[in-house]
């Protein structure tokens, strides 16, 4: 075995997100949630198909966008008390506060 392979994997960029199988972590969580709901309902195959389809479509929507696209989307479209409390920015429901 040569020395180059014994070091381990060195990523080309530090900006890549972690991956689980073929998906990034946020896509994998979506798929696993729907698979779990399908298993809990006794419809495992439906959960696998729907989880895969929804995770794939989320990946298509997110393609080319910022890595934290999901957090930005949740900040603007969900109640601000539900997800995160920011001290620097105002709550998302106060959109028109300068006029």
C-alpha atoms as a PDB file:
ATOM      1  CA  UNK A   1       0.000   0.000   0.000  1.00  0.00           C
ATOM      2  CA  UNK A   2       1.403   3.396  -0.911  1.00  0.00           C
ATOM      3  CA  UNK A   3       1.562   6.415   1.385  1.00  0.00           C
ATOM      4  CA  UNK A   4      -0.944   8.513  -0.592  1.00  0.00           C
ATOM      5  CA  UNK A   5      -3.877   6.200   0.168  1.00  0.00           C
ATOM      6  CA  UNK A   6      -2.959   5.565   3.805  1.00  0.00           C
ATOM      7  CA  UNK A   7      -3.538   9.228   4.761  1.00  0.00           C
ATOM      8  CA  UNK A   8      -7.288   9.106   4.244  1.00  0.00           C
ATOM      9  CA  UNK A   9      -9.769  11.141   2.276  1.00  0.00           C
ATOM     10  CA  UNK A  10      -8.981  14.828   1.845  1.00  0.00           C
ATOM     11  CA  UNK A  11     -11.914  16.844   0.433  1.00  0.00           C
ATOM     12  CA  UNK A  12     -11.284  19.280  -2.403  1.00  0.00           C
ATOM     13  CA  UNK A  13     -13.369  22.011  -0.756  1.00  0.00           C
ATOM     14  CA  UNK A  14     -14.425  22.591   2.820  1.00  0.00           C
ATOM     15  CA  UNK A  15     -17.886  23.817   1.818  1.00  0.00           C
ATOM     16  CA  UNK A  16     -19.371  20.421   0.984  1.00  0.00           C
ATOM     17  CA  UNK A  17     -22.124  19.217   3.282  1.00  0.00           C
ATOM     18  CA  UNK A  18     -22.136  15.790   4.877  1.00  0.00           C
ATOM     19  CA  UNK A  19     -23.718  13.000   2.868  1.00  0.00           C
ATOM     20  CA  UNK A  20     -25.774   9.950   3.780  1.00  0.00           C
ATOM     21  CA  UNK A  21     -25.649   7.414   0.955  1.00  0.00           C
ATOM     22  CA  UNK A  22     -26.510   9.455  -2.158  1.00  0.00           C
ATOM     23  CA  UNK A  23     -28.234  12.389  -0.456  1.00  0.00           C
ATOM     24  CA  UNK A  24     -27.082  15.290   1.622  1.00  0.00           C
ATOM     25  CA  UNK A  25     -28.120  15.254   5.262  1.00  0.00           C
ATOM     26  CA  UNK A  26     -31.241  17.404   4.921  1.00  0.00           C
ATOM     27  CA  UNK A  27     -32.537  15.304   2.015  1.00  0.00           C
ATOM     28  CA  UNK A  28     -31.818  12.105   3.919  1.00  0.00           C
ATOM     29  CA  UNK A  29     -33.730  13.384   6.958  1.00  0.00           C
ATOM     30  CA  UNK A  30     -36.756  14.137   4.789  1.00  0.00           C
ATOM     31  CA  UNK A  31     -36.633  10.660   3.251  1.00  0.00           C
ATOM     32  CA  UNK A  32     -36.145   8.952   6.627  1.00  0.00           C
ATOM     33  CA  UNK A  33     -39.045  10.862   8.194  1.00  0.00           C
ATOM     34  CA  UNK A  34     -41.427   9.756   5.462  1.00  0.00           C
ATOM     35  CA  UNK A  35     -40.102   6.185   5.540  1.00  0.00           C
ATOM     36  CA  UNK A  36     -40.645   6.150   9.312  1.00  0.00           C
ATOM     37  CA  UNK A  37     -44.168   7.484   8.971  1.00  0.00           C
ATOM     38  CA  UNK A  38     -44.917   4.837   6.353  1.00  0.00           C
ATOM     39  CA  UNK A  39     -43.506   2.103   8.603  1.00  0.00           C
ATOM     40  CA  UNK A  40     -45.517   3.360  11.573  1.00  0.00           C
ATOM     41  CA  UNK A  41     -48.683   3.294   9.463  1.00  0.00           C
ATOM     42  CA  UNK A  42     -47.930  -0.223   8.231  1.00  0.00           C
ATOM     43  CA  UNK A  43     -47.279   0.985   4.674  1.00  0.00           C
ATOM     44  CA  UNK A  44     -43.503   0.643   4.387  1.00  0.00           C
ATOM     45  CA  UNK A  45     -43.399   0.502   0.570  1.00  0.00           C
ATOM     46  CA  UNK A  46     -45.532   3.642   0.290  1.00  0.00           C
ATOM     47  CA  UNK A  47     -43.246   5.363   2.804  1.00  0.00           C
ATOM     48  CA  UNK A  48     -40.131   4.391   0.849  1.00  0.00           C
ATOM     49  CA  UNK A  49     -41.570   5.577  -2.459  1.00  0.00           C
ATOM     50  CA  UNK A  50     -43.013   8.815  -1.088  1.00  0.00           C
ATOM     51  CA  UNK A  51     -39.898   9.573   0.980  1.00  0.00           C
ATOM     52  CA  UNK A  52     -37.641   9.036  -2.004  1.00  0.00           C
ATOM     53  CA  UNK A  53     -39.838  11.111  -4.303  1.00  0.00           C
ATOM     54  CA  UNK A  54     -40.177  13.999  -1.851  1.00  0.00           C
ATOM     55  CA  UNK A  55     -36.439  13.992  -1.059  1.00  0.00           C
ATOM     56  CA  UNK A  56     -35.629  13.937  -4.783  1.00  0.00           C
ATOM     57  CA  UNK A  57     -37.998  16.835  -5.506  1.00  0.00           C
ATOM     58  CA  UNK A  58     -36.559  18.802  -2.564  1.00  0.00           C
ATOM     59  CA  UNK A  59     -33.102  18.259  -4.052  1.00  0.00           C
ATOM     60  CA  UNK A  60     -34.310  19.600  -7.398  1.00  0.00           C
ATOM     61  CA  UNK A  61     -35.817  22.675  -5.736  1.00  0.00           C
ATOM     62  CA  UNK A  62     -32.653  23.295  -3.730  1.00  0.00           C
ATOM     63  CA  UNK A  63     -30.214  22.782  -6.610  1.00  0.00           C
ATOM     64  CA  UNK A  64     -28.091  25.857  -7.198  1.00  0.00           C
ATOM     65  CA  UNK A  65     -29.227  27.593  -4.022  1.00  0.00           C
ATOM     66  CA  UNK A  66     -27.429  28.407  -0.791  1.00  0.00           C
ATOM     67  CA  UNK A  67     -26.390  25.492   1.423  1.00  0.00           C
ATOM     68  CA  UNK A  68     -28.678  26.723   4.216  1.00  0.00           C
ATOM     69  CA  UNK A  69     -31.662  27.157   1.889  1.00  0.00           C
ATOM     70  CA  UNK A  70     -33.956  25.179   4.189  1.00  0.00           C
ATOM     71  CA  UNK A  71     -33.223  27.433   7.179  1.00  0.00           C
ATOM     72  CA  UNK A  72     -33.844  30.557   5.108  1.00  0.00           C
ATOM     73  CA  UNK A  73     -37.126  29.128   3.817  1.00  0.00           C
ATOM     74  CA  UNK A  74     -38.265  28.148   7.302  1.00  0.00           C
ATOM     75  CA  UNK A  75     -37.354  31.589   8.692  1.00  0.00           C
ATOM     76  CA  UNK A  76     -39.540  33.405   6.185  1.00  0.00           C
ATOM     77  CA  UNK A  77     -42.490  31.040   5.920  1.00  0.00           C
ATOM     78  CA  UNK A  78     -42.938  29.469   9.360  1.00  0.00           C
ATOM     79  CA  UNK A  79     -43.652  31.219  12.676  1.00  0.00           C
ATOM     80  CA  UNK A  80     -40.421  32.594  14.072  1.00  0.00           C
ATOM     81  CA  UNK A  81     -41.100  31.312  17.590  1.00  0.00           C
ATOM     82  CA  UNK A  82     -41.340  27.746  16.305  1.00  0.00           C
ATOM     83  CA  UNK A  83     -37.855  27.382  14.848  1.00  0.00           C
ATOM     84  CA  UNK A  84     -35.241  29.821  16.007  1.00  0.00           C
ATOM     85  CA  UNK A  85     -34.892  32.878  18.119  1.00  0.00           C
ATOM     86  CA  UNK A  86     -32.497  35.394  16.635  1.00  0.00           C
ATOM     87  CA  UNK A  87     -31.251  38.381  18.588  1.00  0.00           C
ATOM     88  CA  UNK A  88     -29.774  40.272  15.637  1.00  0.00           C
ATOM     89  CA  UNK A  89     -32.646  40.157  13.171  1.00  0.00           C
ATOM     90  CA  UNK A  90     -36.300  40.904  13.887  1.00  0.00           C
ATOM     91  CA  UNK A  91     -38.913  38.129  13.850  1.00  0.00           C
ATOM     92  CA  UNK A  92     -40.010  37.106  10.377  1.00  0.00           C
ATOM     93  CA  UNK A  93     -43.589  38.279  10.852  1.00  0.00           C
ATOM     94  CA  UNK A  94     -42.356  41.902  11.189  1.00  0.00           C
ATOM     95  CA  UNK A  95     -41.642  42.389   7.481  1.00  0.00           C
ATOM     96  CA  UNK A  96     -42.646  46.038   7.131  1.00  0.00           C
ATOM     97  CA  UNK A  97     -41.152  47.787  10.124  1.00  0.00           C
ATOM     98  CA  UNK A  98     -39.622  50.865   8.487  1.00  0.00           C
ATOM     99  CA  UNK A  99     -42.658  52.554   7.017  1.00  0.00           C
END
